[in-house]
Amino acid sequence: MQKKDSFLVNRLKSVGYAFKGMLILIKTEASIKIQLCIAIVVTIAGFYFEISKTEWLVQIIMIGLVMSIEGVNTAIEYIADFIHPDQHPKIGLIKDVAAGAVFIASIVAVIIAGIIYLPKIL
């Protein structure tokens, strides 16, 4: 019988797997690379325009939300391609819905960025 790892060891392993997944996303997915660049630009803009603590919180939440949903979308695409490598209308629908979720989060992020930065720019 194999000895079970402790709770702490299991949590550390989980964090390691999550970190590995994040690196895979950043290294392999063009959309995450673009979103990471946008995140860096708005972070620099936040320092430049000295946005408020509340604006920072909203901005950080939106960066995390968009990038997280993009990661979920990528996972859905991978599993859909694994299950059915050939083109299939239902798989296409599943991928479109997942991409639509990223699109919604991205549009909201752009609106929030406009609310934060347009008054400062104008």
PDB file of N, CA and C in Angstrom:
ATOM      1  N   MET A   1       0.834  -1.174   0.000  1.00  0.00           N
ATOM      2  CA  MET A   1       0.000   0.000   0.000  1.00  0.00           C
ATOM      3  C   MET A   1       0.888   1.250   0.000  1.00  0.00           C
ATOM      4  N   GLN A   2       0.562   2.186  -0.903  1.00  0.00           N
ATOM      5  CA  GLN A   2       1.353   3.408  -1.033  1.00  0.00           C
ATOM      6  C   GLN A   2       0.965   4.419   0.050  1.00  0.00           C
ATOM      7  N   LYS A   3       1.988   5.053   0.644  1.00  0.00           N
ATOM      8  CA  LYS A   3       1.745   6.043   1.688  1.00  0.00           C
ATOM      9  C   LYS A   3       1.132   7.299   1.076  1.00  0.00           C
ATOM     10  N   LYS A   4       0.088   7.813   1.735  1.00  0.00           N
ATOM     11  CA  LYS A   4      -0.594   9.026   1.272  1.00  0.00           C
ATOM     12  C   LYS A   4       0.200  10.260   1.674  1.00  0.00           C
ATOM     13  N   ASP A   5       0.281  11.228   0.747  1.00  0.00           N
ATOM     14  CA  ASP A   5       0.952  12.492   1.062  1.00  0.00           C
ATOM     15  C   ASP A   5       0.103  13.302   2.029  1.00  0.00           C
ATOM     16  N   SER A   6       0.761  14.158   2.785  1.00  0.00           N
ATOM     17  CA  SER A   6       0.047  15.012   3.739  1.00  0.00           C
ATOM     18  C   SER A   6      -0.762  16.077   2.995  1.00  0.00           C
ATOM     19  N   PHE A   7      -1.676  16.701   3.718  1.00  0.00           N
ATOM     20  CA  PHE A   7      -2.494  17.773   3.151  1.00  0.00           C
ATOM     21  C   PHE A   7      -1.604  18.867   2.577  1.00  0.00           C
ATOM     22  N   LEU A   8      -0.585  19.280   3.326  1.00  0.00           N
ATOM     23  CA  LEU A   8       0.310  20.347   2.890  1.00  0.00           C
ATOM     24  C   LEU A   8       1.062  19.956   1.620  1.00  0.00           C
ATOM     25  N   VAL A   9       1.559  18.738   1.565  1.00  0.00           N
ATOM     26  CA  VAL A   9       2.275  18.258   0.373  1.00  0.00           C
ATOM     27  C   VAL A   9       1.342  18.257  -0.833  1.00  0.00           C
ATOM     28  N   ASN A  10       0.106  17.801  -0.646  1.00  0.00           N
ATOM     29  CA  ASN A  10      -0.872  17.805  -1.739  1.00  0.00           C
ATOM     30  C   ASN A  10      -1.169  19.212  -2.224  1.00  0.00           C
ATOM     31  N   ARG A  11      -1.298  20.177  -1.304  1.00  0.00           N
ATOM     32  CA  ARG A  11      -1.554  21.571  -1.684  1.00  0.00           C
ATOM     33  C   ARG A  11      -0.377  22.134  -2.469  1.00  0.00           C
ATOM     34  N   LEU A  12       0.838  21.849  -2.008  1.00  0.00           N
ATOM     35  CA  LEU A  12       2.027  22.328  -2.711  1.00  0.00           C
ATOM     36  C   LEU A  12       2.119  21.738  -4.117  1.00  0.00           C
ATOM     37  N   LYS A  13       1.780  20.459  -4.243  1.00  0.00           N
ATOM     38  CA  LYS A  13       1.757  19.836  -5.569  1.00  0.00           C
ATOM     39  C   LYS A  13       0.721  20.521  -6.462  1.00  0.00           C
ATOM     40  N   SER A  14      -0.453  20.814  -5.899  1.00  0.00           N
ATOM     41  CA  SER A  14      -1.515  21.482  -6.661  1.00  0.00           C
ATOM     42  C   SER A  14      -1.060  22.846  -7.160  1.00  0.00           C
ATOM     43  N   VAL A  15      -0.386  23.590  -6.295  1.00  0.00           N
ATOM     44  CA  VAL A  15       0.132  24.902  -6.695  1.00  0.00           C
ATOM     45  C   VAL A  15       1.162  24.731  -7.816  1.00  0.00           C
ATOM     46  N   GLY A  16       1.984  23.714  -7.712  1.00  0.00           N
ATOM     47  CA  GLY A  16       2.967  23.438  -8.758  1.00  0.00           C
ATOM     48  C   GLY A  16       2.310  23.132 -10.097  1.00  0.00           C
ATOM     49  N   TYR A  17       1.262  22.319 -10.081  1.00  0.00           N
ATOM     50  CA  TYR A  17       0.539  22.002 -11.318  1.00  0.00           C
ATOM     51  C   TYR A  17      -0.112  23.256 -11.893  1.00  0.00           C
ATOM     52  N   ALA A  18      -0.687  24.087 -11.027  1.00  0.00           N
ATOM     53  CA  ALA A  18      -1.324  25.324 -11.484  1.00  0.00           C
ATOM     54  C   ALA A  18      -0.291  26.270 -12.099  1.00  0.00           C
ATOM     55  N   PHE A  19       0.862  26.385 -11.468  1.00  0.00           N
ATOM     56  CA  PHE A  19       1.927  27.239 -11.985  1.00  0.00           C
ATOM     57  C   PHE A  19       2.393  26.733 -13.347  1.00  0.00           C
ATOM     58  N   LYS A  20       2.547  25.410 -13.459  1.00  0.00           N
ATOM     59  CA  LYS A  20       2.942  24.787 -14.731  1.00  0.00           C
ATOM     60  C   LYS A  20       1.904  25.112 -15.806  1.00  0.00           C
ATOM     61  N   GLY A  21       0.617  25.009 -15.461  1.00  0.00           N
ATOM     62  CA  GLY A  21      -0.446  25.325 -16.414  1.00  0.00           C
ATOM     63  C   GLY A  21      -0.405  26.771 -16.860  1.00  0.00           C
ATOM     64  N   MET A  22      -0.145  27.682 -15.914  1.00  0.00           N
ATOM     65  CA  MET A  22      -0.042  29.097 -16.253  1.00  0.00           C
ATOM     66  C   MET A  22       1.115  29.338 -17.226  1.00  0.00           C
ATOM     67  N   LEU A  23       2.254  28.706 -16.961  1.00  0.00           N
ATOM     68  CA  LEU A  23       3.401  28.869 -17.854  1.00  0.00           C
ATOM     69  C   LEU A  23       3.119  28.306 -19.245  1.00  0.00           C
ATOM     70  N   ILE A  24       2.438  27.170 -19.297  1.00  0.00           N
ATOM     71  CA  ILE A  24       2.066  26.589 -20.601  1.00  0.00           C
ATOM     72  C   ILE A  24       1.185  27.561 -21.366  1.00  0.00           C
ATOM     73  N   LEU A  25       0.199  28.137 -20.681  1.00  0.00           N
ATOM     74  CA  LEU A  25      -0.681  29.126 -21.324  1.00  0.00           C
ATOM     75  C   LEU A  25       0.125  30.289 -21.891  1.00  0.00           C
ATOM     76  N   ILE A  26       0.991  30.854 -21.062  1.00  0.00           N
ATOM     77  CA  ILE A  26       1.752  32.033 -21.479  1.00  0.00           C
ATOM     78  C   ILE A  26       2.710  31.698 -22.625  1.00  0.00           C
ATOM     79  N   LYS A  27       3.310  30.513 -22.593  1.00  0.00           N
ATOM     80  CA  LYS A  27       4.268  30.129 -23.626  1.00  0.00           C
ATOM     81  C   LYS A  27       3.603  29.748 -24.948  1.00  0.00           C
ATOM     82  N   THR A  28       2.391  29.176 -24.887  1.00  0.00           N
ATOM     83  CA  THR A  28       1.825  28.574 -26.101  1.00  0.00           C
ATOM     84  C   THR A  28       0.622  29.306 -26.697  1.00  0.00           C
ATOM     85  N   GLU A  29      -0.047  30.140 -25.938  1.00  0.00           N
ATOM     86  CA  GLU A  29      -1.289  30.739 -26.419  1.00  0.00           C
ATOM     87  C   GLU A  29      -1.104  32.208 -26.784  1.00  0.00           C
ATOM     88  N   ALA A  30      -1.308  32.515 -28.068  1.00  0.00           N
ATOM     89  CA  ALA A  30      -1.141  33.886 -28.554  1.00  0.00           C
ATOM     90  C   ALA A  30      -2.099  34.847 -27.856  1.00  0.00           C
ATOM     91  N   SER A  31      -3.327  34.420 -27.617  1.00  0.00           N
ATOM     92  CA  SER A  31      -4.306  35.316 -26.996  1.00  0.00           C
ATOM     93  C   SER A  31      -3.899  35.698 -25.578  1.00  0.00           C
ATOM     94  N   ILE A  32      -3.326  34.771 -24.833  1.00  0.00           N
ATOM     95  CA  ILE A  32      -2.847  35.077 -23.478  1.00  0.00           C
ATOM     96  C   ILE A  32      -1.658  36.034 -23.556  1.00  0.00           C
ATOM     97  N   LYS A  33      -0.784  35.849 -24.529  1.00  0.00           N
ATOM     98  CA  LYS A  33       0.356  36.758 -24.693  1.00  0.00           C
ATOM     99  C   LYS A  33      -0.138  38.180 -24.957  1.00  0.00           C
ATOM    100  N   ILE A  34      -1.140  38.312 -25.810  1.00  0.00           N
ATOM    101  CA  ILE A  34      -1.710  39.633 -26.107  1.00  0.00           C
ATOM    102  C   ILE A  34      -2.334  40.218 -24.846  1.00  0.00           C
ATOM    103  N   GLN A  35      -3.111  39.423 -24.137  1.00  0.00           N
ATOM    104  CA  GLN A  35      -3.769  39.907 -22.921  1.00  0.00           C
ATOM    105  C   GLN A  35      -2.745  40.259 -21.838  1.00  0.00           C
ATOM    106  N   LEU A  36      -1.654  39.515 -21.769  1.00  0.00           N
ATOM    107  CA  LEU A  36      -0.594  39.832 -20.819  1.00  0.00           C
ATOM    108  C   LEU A  36       0.049  41.178 -21.168  1.00  0.00           C
ATOM    109  N   CYS A  37       0.266  41.428 -22.462  1.00  0.00           N
ATOM    110  CA  CYS A  37       0.811  42.721 -22.897  1.00  0.00           C
ATOM    111  C   CYS A  37      -0.147  43.858 -22.544  1.00  0.00           C
ATOM    112  N   ILE A  38      -1.437  43.649 -22.780  1.00  0.00           N
ATOM    113  CA  ILE A  38      -2.437  44.661 -22.420  1.00  0.00           C
ATOM    114  C   ILE A  38      -2.430  44.888 -20.911  1.00  0.00           C
ATOM    115  N   ALA A  39      -2.322  43.816 -20.145  1.00  0.00           N
ATOM    116  CA  ALA A  39      -2.279  43.933 -18.684  1.00  0.00           C
ATOM    117  C   ALA A  39      -1.073  44.761 -18.245  1.00  0.00           C
ATOM    118  N   ILE A  40       0.058  44.552 -18.878  1.00  0.00           N
ATOM    119  CA  ILE A  40       1.262  45.327 -18.547  1.00  0.00           C
ATOM    120  C   ILE A  40       1.059  46.798 -18.898  1.00  0.00           C
ATOM    121  N   VAL A  41       0.476  47.060 -20.068  1.00  0.00           N
ATOM    122  CA  VAL A  41       0.236  48.448 -20.491  1.00  0.00           C
ATOM    123  C   VAL A  41      -0.701  49.162 -19.523  1.00  0.00           C
ATOM    124  N   VAL A  42      -1.821  48.514 -19.149  1.00  0.00           N
ATOM    125  CA  VAL A  42      -2.752  49.203 -18.233  1.00  0.00           C
ATOM    126  C   VAL A  42      -2.167  49.318 -16.834  1.00  0.00           C
ATOM    127  N   THR A  43      -1.287  48.404 -16.454  1.00  0.00           N
ATOM    128  CA  THR A  43      -0.614  48.527 -15.161  1.00  0.00           C
ATOM    129  C   THR A  43       0.323  49.737 -15.174  1.00  0.00           C
ATOM    130  N   ILE A  44       1.081  49.883 -16.237  1.00  0.00           N
ATOM    131  CA  ILE A  44       1.944  51.070 -16.380  1.00  0.00           C
ATOM    132  C   ILE A  44       1.088  52.337 -16.386  1.00  0.00           C
ATOM    133  N   ALA A  45      -0.034  52.290 -17.117  1.00  0.00           N
ATOM    134  CA  ALA A  45      -0.944  53.444 -17.154  1.00  0.00           C
ATOM    135  C   ALA A  45      -1.481  53.758 -15.758  1.00  0.00           C
ATOM    136  N   GLY A  46      -1.754  52.732 -14.980  1.00  0.00           N
ATOM    137  CA  GLY A  46      -2.236  52.933 -13.622  1.00  0.00           C
ATOM    138  C   GLY A  46      -1.243  53.700 -12.773  1.00  0.00           C
ATOM    139  N   PHE A  47       0.030  53.359 -12.904  1.00  0.00           N
ATOM    140  CA  PHE A  47       1.063  54.096 -12.172  1.00  0.00           C
ATOM    141  C   PHE A  47       1.206  55.521 -12.713  1.00  0.00           C
ATOM    142  N   TYR A  48       1.192  55.641 -14.045  1.00  0.00           N
ATOM    143  CA  TYR A  48       1.354  56.956 -14.670  1.00  0.00           C
ATOM    144  C   TYR A  48       0.236  57.920 -14.268  1.00  0.00           C
ATOM    145  N   PHE A  49      -1.005  57.435 -14.314  1.00  0.00           N
ATOM    146  CA  PHE A  49      -2.157  58.284 -14.007  1.00  0.00           C
ATOM    147  C   PHE A  49      -2.519  58.292 -12.518  1.00  0.00           C
ATOM    148  N   GLU A  50      -1.751  57.557 -11.719  1.00  0.00           N
ATOM    149  CA  GLU A  50      -1.973  57.490 -10.276  1.00  0.00           C
ATOM    150  C   GLU A  50      -3.441  57.184  -9.946  1.00  0.00           C
ATOM    151  N   ILE A  51      -3.909  56.063 -10.473  1.00  0.00           N
ATOM    152  CA  ILE A  51      -5.311  55.688 -10.240  1.00  0.00           C
ATOM    153  C   ILE A  51      -5.526  55.364  -8.764  1.00  0.00           C
ATOM    154  N   SER A  52      -6.775  55.463  -8.355  1.00  0.00           N
ATOM    155  CA  SER A  52      -7.109  55.248  -6.941  1.00  0.00           C
ATOM    156  C   SER A  52      -7.015  53.771  -6.562  1.00  0.00           C
ATOM    157  N   LYS A  53      -7.058  53.531  -5.265  1.00  0.00           N
ATOM    158  CA  LYS A  53      -7.020  52.163  -4.755  1.00  0.00           C
ATOM    159  C   LYS A  53      -8.196  51.353  -5.318  1.00  0.00           C
ATOM    160  N   THR A  54      -9.362  51.952  -5.342  1.00  0.00           N
ATOM    161  CA  THR A  54     -10.546  51.255  -5.890  1.00  0.00           C
ATOM    162  C   THR A  54     -10.364  50.953  -7.371  1.00  0.00           C
ATOM    163  N   GLU A  55      -9.825  51.903  -8.118  1.00  0.00           N
ATOM    164  CA  GLU A  55      -9.573  51.670  -9.550  1.00  0.00           C
ATOM    165  C   GLU A  55      -8.554  50.552  -9.747  1.00  0.00           C
ATOM    166  N   TRP A  56      -7.526  50.516  -8.892  1.00  0.00           N
ATOM    167  CA  TRP A  56      -6.550  49.415  -8.953  1.00  0.00           C
ATOM    168  C   TRP A  56      -7.238  48.078  -8.721  1.00  0.00           C
ATOM    169  N   LEU A  57      -8.089  48.021  -7.706  1.00  0.00           N
ATOM    170  CA  LEU A  57      -8.772  46.766  -7.388  1.00  0.00           C
ATOM    171  C   LEU A  57      -9.612  46.287  -8.564  1.00  0.00           C
ATOM    172  N   VAL A  58     -10.374  47.203  -9.148  1.00  0.00           N
ATOM    173  CA  VAL A  58     -11.233  46.827 -10.282  1.00  0.00           C
ATOM    174  C   VAL A  58     -10.368  46.393 -11.466  1.00  0.00           C
ATOM    175  N   GLN A  59      -9.294  47.132 -11.720  1.00  0.00           N
ATOM    176  CA  GLN A  59      -8.411  46.798 -12.838  1.00  0.00           C
ATOM    177  C   GLN A  59      -7.774  45.420 -12.643  1.00  0.00           C
ATOM    178  N   ILE A  60      -7.282  45.140 -11.459  1.00  0.00           N
ATOM    179  CA  ILE A  60      -6.647  43.843 -11.177  1.00  0.00           C
ATOM    180  C   ILE A  60      -7.667  42.710 -11.288  1.00  0.00           C
ATOM    181  N   ILE A  61      -8.872  42.942 -10.779  1.00  0.00           N
ATOM    182  CA  ILE A  61      -9.928  41.925 -10.898  1.00  0.00           C
ATOM    183  C   ILE A  61     -10.225  41.635 -12.363  1.00  0.00           C
ATOM    184  N   MET A  62     -10.327  42.674 -13.180  1.00  0.00           N
ATOM    185  CA  MET A  62     -10.650  42.456 -14.600  1.00  0.00           C
ATOM    186  C   MET A  62      -9.505  41.758 -15.340  1.00  0.00           C
ATOM    187  N   ILE A  63      -8.275  42.107 -15.021  1.00  0.00           N
ATOM    188  CA  ILE A  63      -7.132  41.414 -15.643  1.00  0.00           C
ATOM    189  C   ILE A  63      -7.191  39.925 -15.289  1.00  0.00           C
ATOM    190  N   GLY A  64      -7.388  39.639 -14.007  1.00  0.00           N
ATOM    191  CA  GLY A  64      -7.483  38.244 -13.566  1.00  0.00           C
ATOM    192  C   GLY A  64      -8.654  37.518 -14.197  1.00  0.00           C
ATOM    193  N   LEU A  65      -9.794  38.196 -14.284  1.00  0.00           N
ATOM    194  CA  LEU A  65     -10.992  37.578 -14.857  1.00  0.00           C
ATOM    195  C   LEU A  65     -10.795  37.226 -16.331  1.00  0.00           C
ATOM    196  N   VAL A  66     -10.319  38.191 -17.115  1.00  0.00           N
ATOM    197  CA  VAL A  66     -10.146  37.951 -18.551  1.00  0.00           C
ATOM    198  C   VAL A  66      -9.122  36.840 -18.787  1.00  0.00           C
ATOM    199  N   MET A  67      -8.006  36.898 -18.079  1.00  0.00           N
ATOM    200  CA  MET A  67      -6.973  35.886 -18.306  1.00  0.00           C
ATOM    201  C   MET A  67      -7.410  34.508 -17.805  1.00  0.00           C
ATOM    202  N   SER A  68      -8.151  34.470 -16.704  1.00  0.00           N
ATOM    203  CA  SER A  68      -8.654  33.189 -16.197  1.00  0.00           C
ATOM    204  C   SER A  68      -9.661  32.563 -17.156  1.00  0.00           C
ATOM    205  N   ILE A  69     -10.583  33.372 -17.634  1.00  0.00           N
ATOM    206  CA  ILE A  69     -11.581  32.840 -18.576  1.00  0.00           C
ATOM    207  C   ILE A  69     -10.902  32.401 -19.864  1.00  0.00           C
ATOM    208  N   GLU A  70      -9.878  33.116 -20.289  1.00  0.00           N
ATOM    209  CA  GLU A  70      -9.128  32.689 -21.471  1.00  0.00           C
ATOM    210  C   GLU A  70      -8.471  31.333 -21.225  1.00  0.00           C
ATOM    211  N   GLY A  71      -7.974  31.108 -20.030  1.00  0.00           N
ATOM    212  CA  GLY A  71      -7.400  29.810 -19.690  1.00  0.00           C
ATOM    213  C   GLY A  71      -8.446  28.708 -19.732  1.00  0.00           C
ATOM    214  N   VAL A  72      -9.625  28.985 -19.194  1.00  0.00           N
ATOM    215  CA  VAL A  72     -10.719  28.003 -19.238  1.00  0.00           C
ATOM    216  C   VAL A  72     -11.121  27.744 -20.691  1.00  0.00           C
ATOM    217  N   ASN A  73     -11.188  28.806 -21.489  1.00  0.00           N
ATOM    218  CA  ASN A  73     -11.526  28.654 -22.908  1.00  0.00           C
ATOM    219  C   ASN A  73     -10.505  27.757 -23.607  1.00  0.00           C
ATOM    220  N   THR A  74      -9.241  27.969 -23.315  1.00  0.00           N
ATOM    221  CA  THR A  74      -8.191  27.141 -23.918  1.00  0.00           C
ATOM    222  C   THR A  74      -8.344  25.681 -23.496  1.00  0.00           C
ATOM    223  N   ALA A  75      -8.632  25.457 -22.220  1.00  0.00           N
ATOM    224  CA  ALA A  75      -8.829  24.083 -21.738  1.00  0.00           C
ATOM    225  C   ALA A  75     -10.018  23.432 -22.432  1.00  0.00           C
ATOM    226  N   ILE A  76     -11.099  24.186 -22.617  1.00  0.00           N
ATOM    227  CA  ILE A  76     -12.279  23.661 -23.319  1.00  0.00           C
ATOM    228  C   ILE A  76     -11.918  23.302 -24.756  1.00  0.00           C
ATOM    229  N   GLU A  77     -11.148  24.156 -25.417  1.00  0.00           N
ATOM    230  CA  GLU A  77     -10.727  23.864 -26.790  1.00  0.00           C
ATOM    231  C   GLU A  77      -9.874  22.592 -26.839  1.00  0.00           C
ATOM    232  N   TYR A  78      -8.937  22.461 -25.899  1.00  0.00           N
ATOM    233  CA  TYR A  78      -8.081  21.271 -25.874  1.00  0.00           C
ATOM    234  C   TYR A  78      -8.899  20.002 -25.664  1.00  0.00           C
ATOM    235  N   ILE A  79      -9.809  20.038 -24.720  1.00  0.00           N
ATOM    236  CA  ILE A  79     -10.589  18.828 -24.435  1.00  0.00           C
ATOM    237  C   ILE A  79     -11.547  18.515 -25.586  1.00  0.00           C
ATOM    238  N   ALA A  80     -12.103  19.559 -26.200  1.00  0.00           N
ATOM    239  CA  ALA A  80     -13.002  19.344 -27.342  1.00  0.00           C
ATOM    240  C   ALA A  80     -12.233  18.715 -28.507  1.00  0.00           C
ATOM    241  N   ASP A  81     -11.025  19.208 -28.769  1.00  0.00           N
ATOM    242  CA  ASP A  81     -10.207  18.645 -29.847  1.00  0.00           C
ATOM    243  C   ASP A  81      -9.766  17.218 -29.525  1.00  0.00           C
ATOM    244  N   PHE A  82      -9.545  16.941 -28.248  1.00  0.00           N
ATOM    245  CA  PHE A  82      -9.163  15.591 -27.835  1.00  0.00           C
ATOM    246  C   PHE A  82     -10.324  14.618 -28.031  1.00  0.00           C
ATOM    247  N   ILE A  83     -11.505  15.047 -27.650  1.00  0.00           N
ATOM    248  CA  ILE A  83     -12.685  14.191 -27.745  1.00  0.00           C
ATOM    249  C   ILE A  83     -13.099  13.970 -29.192  1.00  0.00           C
ATOM    250  N   HIS A  84     -13.035  15.042 -29.985  1.00  0.00           N
ATOM    251  CA  HIS A  84     -13.489  14.951 -31.375  1.00  0.00           C
ATOM    252  C   HIS A  84     -12.549  15.765 -32.259  1.00  0.00           C
ATOM    253  N   PRO A  85     -11.426  15.166 -32.703  1.00  0.00           N
ATOM    254  CA  PRO A  85     -10.417  15.908 -33.472  1.00  0.00           C
ATOM    255  C   PRO A  85     -10.930  16.476 -34.796  1.00  0.00           C
ATOM    256  N   ASP A  86     -11.905  15.808 -35.403  1.00  0.00           N
ATOM    257  CA  ASP A  86     -12.446  16.301 -36.671  1.00  0.00           C
ATOM    258  C   ASP A  86     -13.446  17.423 -36.400  1.00  0.00           C
ATOM    259  N   GLN A  87     -13.707  18.203 -37.448  1.00  0.00           N
ATOM    260  CA  GLN A  87     -14.705  19.265 -37.291  1.00  0.00           C
ATOM    261  C   GLN A  87     -16.074  18.651 -37.062  1.00  0.00           C
ATOM    262  N   HIS A  88     -16.790  19.252 -36.106  1.00  0.00           N
ATOM    263  CA  HIS A  88     -18.125  18.788 -35.783  1.00  0.00           C
ATOM    264  C   HIS A  88     -18.940  20.001 -35.343  1.00  0.00           C
ATOM    265  N   PRO A  89     -20.191  20.113 -35.820  1.00  0.00           N
ATOM    266  CA  PRO A  89     -20.996  21.294 -35.477  1.00  0.00           C
ATOM    267  C   PRO A  89     -21.161  21.514 -33.967  1.00  0.00           C
ATOM    268  N   LYS A  90     -21.357  20.460 -33.199  1.00  0.00           N
ATOM    269  CA  LYS A  90     -21.539  20.604 -31.745  1.00  0.00           C
ATOM    270  C   LYS A  90     -20.242  21.060 -31.072  1.00  0.00           C
ATOM    271  N   ILE A  91     -19.108  20.510 -31.509  1.00  0.00           N
ATOM    272  CA  ILE A  91     -17.814  20.931 -30.959  1.00  0.00           C
ATOM    273  C   ILE A  91     -17.570  22.390 -31.317  1.00  0.00           C
ATOM    274  N   GLY A  92     -17.898  22.760 -32.536  1.00  0.00           N
ATOM    275  CA  GLY A  92     -17.764  24.163 -32.952  1.00  0.00           C
ATOM    276  C   GLY A  92     -18.611  25.082 -32.091  1.00  0.00           C
ATOM    277  N   LEU A  93     -19.842  24.654 -31.792  1.00  0.00           N
ATOM    278  CA  LEU A  93     -20.731  25.440 -30.936  1.00  0.00           C
ATOM    279  C   LEU A  93     -20.140  25.601 -29.536  1.00  0.00           C
ATOM    280  N   ILE A  94     -19.622  24.510 -28.985  1.00  0.00           N
ATOM    281  CA  ILE A  94     -19.003  24.549 -27.651  1.00  0.00           C
ATOM    282  C   ILE A  94     -17.835  25.537 -27.643  1.00  0.00           C
ATOM    283  N   LYS A  95     -16.984  25.472 -28.653  1.00  0.00           N
ATOM    284  CA  LYS A  95     -15.832  26.378 -28.728  1.00  0.00           C
ATOM    285  C   LYS A  95     -16.282  27.832 -28.890  1.00  0.00           C
ATOM    286  N   ASP A  96     -17.314  28.052 -29.700  1.00  0.00           N
ATOM    287  CA  ASP A  96     -17.818  29.416 -29.902  1.00  0.00           C
ATOM    288  C   ASP A  96     -18.377  30.001 -28.613  1.00  0.00           C
ATOM    289  N   VAL A  97     -19.113  29.191 -27.855  1.00  0.00           N
ATOM    290  CA  VAL A  97     -19.678  29.670 -26.589  1.00  0.00           C
ATOM    291  C   VAL A  97     -18.555  30.013 -25.610  1.00  0.00           C
ATOM    292  N   ALA A  98     -17.541  29.170 -25.529  1.00  0.00           N
ATOM    293  CA  ALA A  98     -16.410  29.445 -24.631  1.00  0.00           C
ATOM    294  C   ALA A  98     -15.681  30.714 -25.053  1.00  0.00           C
ATOM    295  N   ALA A  99     -15.476  30.886 -26.349  1.00  0.00           N
ATOM    296  CA  ALA A  99     -14.834  32.106 -26.847  1.00  0.00           C
ATOM    297  C   ALA A  99     -15.721  33.323 -26.584  1.00  0.00           C
ATOM    298  N   GLY A 100     -17.022  33.137 -26.669  1.00  0.00           N
ATOM    299  CA  GLY A 100     -17.954  34.230 -26.380  1.00  0.00           C
ATOM    300  C   GLY A 100     -17.838  34.707 -24.943  1.00  0.00           C
ATOM    301  N   ALA A 101     -17.584  33.789 -24.027  1.00  0.00           N
ATOM    302  CA  ALA A 101     -17.410  34.161 -22.615  1.00  0.00           C
ATOM    303  C   ALA A 101     -16.179  35.052 -22.450  1.00  0.00           C
ATOM    304  N   VAL A 102     -15.102  34.721 -23.149  1.00  0.00           N
ATOM    305  CA  VAL A 102     -13.894  35.549 -23.112  1.00  0.00           C
ATOM    306  C   VAL A 102     -14.200  36.925 -23.703  1.00  0.00           C
ATOM    307  N   PHE A 103     -14.949  36.932 -24.790  1.00  0.00           N
ATOM    308  CA  PHE A 103     -15.300  38.187 -25.462  1.00  0.00           C
ATOM    309  C   PHE A 103     -16.105  39.101 -24.539  1.00  0.00           C
ATOM    310  N   ILE A 104     -17.072  38.532 -23.835  1.00  0.00           N
ATOM    311  CA  ILE A 104     -17.886  39.323 -22.899  1.00  0.00           C
ATOM    312  C   ILE A 104     -16.994  39.943 -21.819  1.00  0.00           C
ATOM    313  N   ALA A 105     -16.134  39.137 -21.215  1.00  0.00           N
ATOM    314  CA  ALA A 105     -15.243  39.645 -20.169  1.00  0.00           C
ATOM    315  C   ALA A 105     -14.315  40.722 -20.728  1.00  0.00           C
ATOM    316  N   SER A 106     -13.841  40.539 -21.951  1.00  0.00           N
ATOM    317  CA  SER A 106     -12.948  41.512 -22.573  1.00  0.00           C
ATOM    318  C   SER A 106     -13.653  42.834 -22.844  1.00  0.00           C
ATOM    319  N   ILE A 107     -14.897  42.766 -23.317  1.00  0.00           N
ATOM    320  CA  ILE A 107     -15.672  43.990 -23.574  1.00  0.00           C
ATOM    321  C   ILE A 107     -15.892  44.745 -22.263  1.00  0.00           C
ATOM    322  N   VAL A 108     -16.259  44.028 -21.205  1.00  0.00           N
ATOM    323  CA  VAL A 108     -16.456  44.669 -19.899  1.00  0.00           C
ATOM    324  C   VAL A 108     -15.143  45.298 -19.428  1.00  0.00           C
ATOM    325  N   ALA A 109     -14.029  44.620 -19.628  1.00  0.00           N
ATOM    326  CA  ALA A 109     -12.722  45.155 -19.232  1.00  0.00           C
ATOM    327  C   ALA A 109     -12.399  46.443 -19.990  1.00  0.00           C
ATOM    328  N   VAL A 110     -12.717  46.473 -21.274  1.00  0.00           N
ATOM    329  CA  VAL A 110     -12.477  47.677 -22.078  1.00  0.00           C
ATOM    330  C   VAL A 110     -13.363  48.828 -21.592  1.00  0.00           C
ATOM    331  N   ILE A 111     -14.614  48.535 -21.288  1.00  0.00           N
ATOM    332  CA  ILE A 111     -15.522  49.570 -20.770  1.00  0.00           C
ATOM    333  C   ILE A 111     -14.984  50.122 -19.447  1.00  0.00           C
ATOM    334  N   ILE A 112     -14.559  49.235 -18.562  1.00  0.00           N
ATOM    335  CA  ILE A 112     -14.010  49.669 -17.273  1.00  0.00           C
ATOM    336  C   ILE A 112     -12.740  50.497 -17.481  1.00  0.00           C
ATOM    337  N   ALA A 113     -11.880  50.064 -18.389  1.00  0.00           N
ATOM    338  CA  ALA A 113     -10.675  50.830 -18.683  1.00  0.00           C
ATOM    339  C   ALA A 113     -11.039  52.225 -19.197  1.00  0.00           C
ATOM    340  N   GLY A 114     -12.069  52.298 -20.020  1.00  0.00           N
ATOM    341  CA  GLY A 114     -12.531  53.601 -20.509  1.00  0.00           C
ATOM    342  C   GLY A 114     -13.032  54.478 -19.374  1.00  0.00           C
ATOM    343  N   ILE A 115     -13.788  53.889 -18.446  1.00  0.00           N
ATOM    344  CA  ILE A 115     -14.303  54.639 -17.300  1.00  0.00           C
ATOM    345  C   ILE A 115     -13.155  55.151 -16.429  1.00  0.00           C
ATOM    346  N   ILE A 116     -12.119  54.330 -16.267  1.00  0.00           N
ATOM    347  CA  ILE A 116     -10.974  54.723 -15.428  1.00  0.00           C
ATOM    348  C   ILE A 116     -10.098  55.753 -16.143  1.00  0.00           C
ATOM    349  N   TYR A 117      -9.765  55.517 -17.411  1.00  0.00           N
ATOM    350  CA  TYR A 117      -8.709  56.291 -18.063  1.00  0.00           C
ATOM    351  C   TYR A 117      -9.177  57.449 -18.939  1.00  0.00           C
ATOM    352  N   LEU A 118     -10.337  57.364 -19.547  1.00  0.00           N
ATOM    353  CA  LEU A 118     -10.760  58.468 -20.423  1.00  0.00           C
ATOM    354  C   LEU A 118     -10.827  59.814 -19.706  1.00  0.00           C
ATOM    355  N   PRO A 119     -11.411  59.883 -18.507  1.00  0.00           N
ATOM    356  CA  PRO A 119     -11.408  61.187 -17.825  1.00  0.00           C
ATOM    357  C   PRO A 119      -9.998  61.703 -17.524  1.00  0.00           C
ATOM    358  N   LYS A 120      -9.061  60.817 -17.285  1.00  0.00           N
ATOM    359  CA  LYS A 120      -7.685  61.219 -16.985  1.00  0.00           C
ATOM    360  C   LYS A 120      -6.954  61.673 -18.242  1.00  0.00           C
ATOM    361  N   ILE A 121      -7.287  61.047 -19.376  1.00  0.00           N
ATOM    362  CA  ILE A 121      -6.650  61.398 -20.655  1.00  0.00           C
ATOM    363  C   ILE A 121      -7.241  62.692 -21.189  1.00  0.00           C
ATOM    364  N   LEU A 122      -8.569  62.823 -21.052  1.00  0.00           N
ATOM    365  CA  LEU A 122      -9.235  64.026 -21.567  1.00  0.00           C
ATOM    366  C   LEU A 122      -9.121  65.142 -20.555  1.00  0.00           C
TER     367      LEU A 122
END
